[in-house]
Amino acid sequence: MSPSEKPKNKRLHVVKSEQAAQVPTADPEPAAGASCPHCFGTGMEVVAGEGARRCRCQSPDHRQRLFQAARIPARYQHCTLQGYDAGDSDSKWVAKIEADRIINDYLVIDGRGLLFVGAVGVGKTHLAVALLRELIERYQVRGLFYQFGALLRRIQDSYNPVSQTSELGVLGPVFEADVLVLDELGASKPTDWVRDTMMQIRLYEMCKTVEIEGEDYRKRSLAQTV
């Protein structure tokens, strides 16, 4: 499915937090959509002297590069929306429906994302990764998965003791991603520095909070194997 033109400044953030209360290598070619300089979202590009042809951004190889650039950990690469078992939990069904709505309405939403919150093992990461994978597959977006703690460490590692500042250039890929998934957001202590970093990414004001309750998947799987 080829997306129609979408706003240039669209940014979708899908993050997860453990607390209910509270630089990958750049892709060598642009993603399909309005950001593609070859087809401008039509899926067809005009080649001088040859006419129109299917745009290079529509190739399976291009999608594969997008998946690789998204940095989805191997243990989550199997996650799909269809594979998310909501069981008899109303909140899990609501979360699944919200994720599906984002996928279907991606081209017309205002860029507001989702913040999944809930206890360990309710499937927050599964849903977030499933959403990211489907958006890459359907719309060829430039996606990025990052564990929030790892991102903070990268910024801290770039600290310059002379100027006493951190090189926020490491956030470049985060700002440039069409779809950003931040995992384990609540696992980091909310110091002033962490809060300042979150303000740079502008998380909460761009996300709708979806709380998930239910059985811990990991405990259930362990019980089934005993």
Protein backbone atom coordinates (compact mmCIF):
# COMPACT_ATOMS: atom_id res chain seq x y z
CA MET A 1 0.00 0.00 0.00
CA SER A 2 1.48 3.34 -1.02
CA PRO A 3 0.77 6.29 1.28
CA SER A 4 -0.57 9.58 -0.01
CA GLU A 5 1.18 12.81 0.87
CA LYS A 6 1.53 13.32 4.61
CA PRO A 7 2.61 16.38 6.63
CA LYS A 8 6.34 16.97 6.54
CA ASN A 9 6.57 17.51 10.28
CA LYS A 10 4.65 14.40 11.29
CA ARG A 11 6.26 12.62 14.23
CA LEU A 12 4.66 9.68 16.01
CA HIS A 13 6.01 8.64 19.40
CA VAL A 14 5.12 5.25 20.85
CA VAL A 15 6.61 4.80 24.27
CA LYS A 16 6.09 2.50 27.23
CA SER A 17 6.54 3.05 30.93
CA GLU A 18 6.84 0.60 33.80
CA GLN A 19 5.08 3.07 36.11
CA ALA A 20 1.36 3.55 35.63
CA ALA A 21 1.45 6.57 37.93
CA GLN A 22 3.84 8.55 36.68
CA VAL A 23 22.65 6.46 16.63
CA PRO A 24 21.68 3.92 14.35
CA THR A 25 23.13 4.00 10.87
CA ALA A 26 21.00 6.26 8.71
CA ASP A 27 19.00 4.61 5.95
CA PRO A 28 20.69 5.32 2.61
CA GLU A 29 17.42 6.10 0.84
CA PRO A 30 14.42 8.16 1.97
CA ALA A 31 11.24 6.48 3.08
CA ALA A 32 8.21 6.43 0.83
CA GLY A 33 5.67 9.20 1.22
CA ALA A 34 5.93 12.96 1.05
CA SER A 35 9.56 12.69 2.21
CA CYS A 36 10.55 10.72 -0.89
CA PRO A 37 12.06 13.15 -3.43
CA HIS A 38 11.60 10.63 -6.25
CA CYS A 39 7.85 9.93 -6.13
CA PHE A 40 6.48 12.42 -3.56
CA GLY A 41 4.23 9.74 -2.15
CA THR A 42 2.72 8.51 -5.43
CA GLY A 43 4.75 5.31 -5.60
CA MET A 44 5.79 6.14 -9.18
CA GLU A 45 8.82 8.14 -10.26
CA VAL A 46 9.50 9.77 -13.63
CA VAL A 47 12.82 8.93 -15.25
CA ALA A 48 14.05 11.27 -17.99
CA GLY A 49 13.91 9.56 -21.38
CA GLU A 50 12.20 6.46 -19.97
CA GLY A 51 8.89 7.63 -18.54
CA ALA A 52 7.24 6.54 -15.30
CA ARG A 53 8.23 3.50 -13.30
CA ARG A 54 7.65 2.07 -9.83
CA CYS A 55 9.58 4.15 -7.32
CA ARG A 56 12.69 2.69 -5.75
CA CYS A 57 11.17 3.33 -2.29
CA GLN A 58 8.59 0.62 -3.02
CA SER A 59 11.08 -2.23 -3.34
CA PRO A 60 11.21 -5.09 -0.78
CA ASP A 61 14.91 -4.36 -0.34
CA HIS A 62 14.06 -0.85 0.75
CA ARG A 63 11.61 -2.14 3.36
CA GLN A 64 14.25 -4.55 4.64
CA ARG A 65 16.70 -1.70 5.07
CA LEU A 66 14.06 0.25 6.97
CA PHE A 67 13.50 -2.70 9.31
CA GLN A 68 17.22 -3.00 9.94
CA ALA A 69 17.62 0.73 10.53
CA ALA A 70 14.77 0.62 13.07
CA ARG A 71 17.02 -1.30 15.51
CA ILE A 72 14.26 -3.61 16.75
CA PRO A 73 15.90 -6.13 19.15
CA ALA A 74 15.91 -9.71 17.90
CA ARG A 75 13.75 -10.92 20.79
CA TYR A 76 10.92 -8.62 19.68
CA GLN A 77 11.14 -9.05 15.91
CA HIS A 78 8.37 -11.66 15.94
CA CYS A 79 5.84 -9.29 17.51
CA THR A 80 2.72 -8.53 15.45
CA LEU A 81 -0.59 -6.93 16.29
CA GLN A 82 -2.39 -10.15 15.37
CA GLY A 83 -0.13 -12.05 17.76
CA TYR A 84 -1.00 -9.85 20.73
CA ASP A 85 -3.23 -11.91 23.03
CA ALA A 86 -5.61 -9.53 24.78
CA GLY A 87 -7.46 -12.42 26.43
CA ASP A 88 -10.37 -11.23 28.57
CA SER A 89 -8.66 -7.99 29.66
CA ASP A 90 -10.66 -4.93 28.66
CA SER A 91 -7.63 -2.66 28.94
CA LYS A 92 -5.56 -4.90 26.65
CA TRP A 93 -8.31 -4.82 24.05
CA VAL A 94 -8.47 -1.04 24.32
CA ALA A 95 -4.71 -0.82 23.86
CA LYS A 96 -4.84 -3.14 20.85
CA ILE A 97 -7.65 -1.10 19.29
CA GLU A 98 -5.71 2.14 19.85
CA ALA A 99 -2.66 0.63 18.14
CA ASP A 100 -4.79 -0.53 15.22
CA ARG A 101 -6.32 2.95 14.93
CA ILE A 102 -2.86 4.51 14.66
CA ILE A 103 -1.95 2.07 11.89
CA ASN A 104 -5.12 2.66 9.87
CA ASP A 105 -5.27 6.44 10.38
CA TYR A 106 -1.54 7.16 10.19
CA LEU A 107 -1.79 9.38 7.13
CA VAL A 108 -4.41 11.66 8.65
CA ILE A 109 -3.55 11.77 12.36
CA ASP A 110 -1.94 14.91 13.78
CA GLY A 111 1.25 13.18 14.91
CA ARG A 112 0.04 12.44 18.44
CA GLY A 113 1.32 9.07 19.61
CA LEU A 114 0.66 6.57 22.38
CA LEU A 115 2.17 6.14 25.83
CA PHE A 116 1.63 2.56 27.04
CA VAL A 117 1.82 2.26 30.83
CA GLY A 118 1.32 -0.75 33.07
CA ALA A 119 2.97 -3.51 35.07
CA VAL A 120 5.76 -5.71 33.77
CA GLY A 121 4.68 -8.39 31.31
CA VAL A 122 1.35 -7.01 30.08
CA GLY A 123 2.63 -6.64 26.52
CA LYS A 124 3.57 -2.98 26.22
CA THR A 125 6.72 -3.63 24.21
CA HIS A 126 4.94 -6.22 22.06
CA LEU A 127 2.26 -3.70 21.06
CA ALA A 128 4.74 -0.90 20.46
CA VAL A 129 6.99 -3.03 18.25
CA ALA A 130 4.00 -4.50 16.40
CA LEU A 131 2.80 -0.99 15.64
CA LEU A 132 6.24 0.09 14.44
CA ARG A 133 6.64 -2.98 12.21
CA GLU A 134 3.24 -2.52 10.59
CA LEU A 135 3.86 1.16 9.87
CA ILE A 136 7.19 0.34 8.23
CA GLU A 137 5.59 -2.43 6.16
CA ARG A 138 2.52 -0.47 5.12
CA TYR A 139 3.85 3.08 4.76
CA GLN A 140 7.64 2.62 4.59
CA VAL A 141 8.18 5.08 7.42
CA ARG A 142 11.59 5.68 8.96
CA GLY A 143 11.18 4.07 12.37
CA LEU A 144 13.47 3.79 15.37
CA PHE A 145 13.39 1.61 18.51
CA TYR A 146 15.42 2.70 21.52
CA GLN A 147 15.53 1.68 25.14
CA PHE A 148 15.31 4.96 27.00
CA GLY A 149 18.10 4.06 29.42
CA ALA A 150 20.43 3.26 26.53
CA LEU A 151 19.61 6.58 24.91
CA LEU A 152 20.37 8.43 28.14
CA ARG A 153 23.69 6.62 28.44
CA ARG A 154 24.65 7.65 24.92
CA ILE A 155 23.95 11.27 25.76
CA GLN A 156 25.88 10.98 29.02
CA ASP A 157 28.82 9.34 27.23
CA SER A 158 29.01 12.33 24.94
CA TYR A 159 29.53 14.67 27.91
CA ASN A 160 32.33 17.17 27.38
CA PRO A 161 34.12 17.96 30.68
CA VAL A 162 35.63 21.13 29.19
CA SER A 163 32.40 22.78 28.13
CA GLN A 164 30.41 20.81 30.74
CA THR A 165 27.76 20.07 28.15
CA SER A 166 26.50 16.93 26.40
CA GLU A 167 26.46 16.59 22.62
CA LEU A 168 22.74 16.45 21.90
CA GLY A 169 23.64 15.67 18.31
CA VAL A 170 23.27 12.03 19.30
CA LEU A 171 19.54 12.76 19.34
CA GLY A 172 19.62 13.48 15.61
CA PRO A 173 18.24 10.07 14.55
CA VAL A 174 15.55 10.39 17.24
CA PHE A 175 14.38 13.74 15.89
CA GLU A 176 14.57 12.55 12.28
CA ALA A 177 12.53 9.36 12.76
CA ASP A 178 8.97 9.37 11.46
CA VAL A 179 8.00 6.87 14.16
CA LEU A 180 9.86 6.58 17.47
CA VAL A 181 9.43 3.76 20.00
CA LEU A 182 11.03 4.39 23.40
CA ASP A 183 11.06 1.33 25.66
CA GLU A 184 11.45 1.14 29.45
CA LEU A 185 10.70 4.82 29.91
CA GLY A 186 9.79 4.44 33.59
CA ALA A 187 12.93 2.47 34.42
CA SER A 188 15.06 5.63 34.61
CA LYS A 189 15.06 7.77 37.74
CA PRO A 190 13.34 11.07 36.88
CA THR A 191 16.21 13.41 37.73
CA ASP A 192 16.22 16.99 36.50
CA TRP A 193 18.62 15.96 33.75
CA VAL A 194 16.34 13.13 32.63
CA ARG A 195 13.34 15.45 32.63
CA ASP A 196 15.27 18.01 30.56
CA THR A 197 16.16 15.28 28.06
CA MET A 198 12.54 14.18 27.85
CA MET A 199 11.58 17.78 27.15
CA GLN A 200 14.02 17.76 24.23
CA ILE A 201 12.13 14.78 22.78
CA ARG A 202 8.76 16.32 23.92
CA LEU A 203 7.22 12.99 24.91
CA TYR A 204 4.24 13.42 27.17
CA GLU A 205 2.60 16.36 25.44
CA MET A 206 2.61 14.41 22.15
CA CYS A 207 1.19 11.16 23.50
CA LYS A 208 -2.16 9.75 24.54
CA THR A 209 -1.74 7.63 27.67
CA VAL A 210 -3.12 4.08 27.46
CA GLU A 211 -2.95 2.06 30.68
CA ILE A 212 -2.76 -1.72 30.33
CA GLU A 213 -3.75 -4.14 33.07
CA GLY A 214 -3.73 -7.91 33.05
CA GLU A 215 -1.76 -11.09 33.58
CA ASP A 216 2.02 -11.16 33.23
CA TYR A 217 2.77 -12.97 29.94
CA ARG A 218 6.13 -14.17 31.17
CA LYS A 219 4.79 -15.71 34.38
CA ARG A 220 2.03 -17.43 32.45
CA SER A 221 4.48 -18.85 29.90
CA LEU A 222 6.73 -20.10 32.70
CA ALA A 223 3.80 -21.80 34.44
CA GLN A 224 2.83 -23.55 31.22
CA THR A 225 6.30 -25.04 30.83
CA VAL A 226 6.47 -26.41 34.38
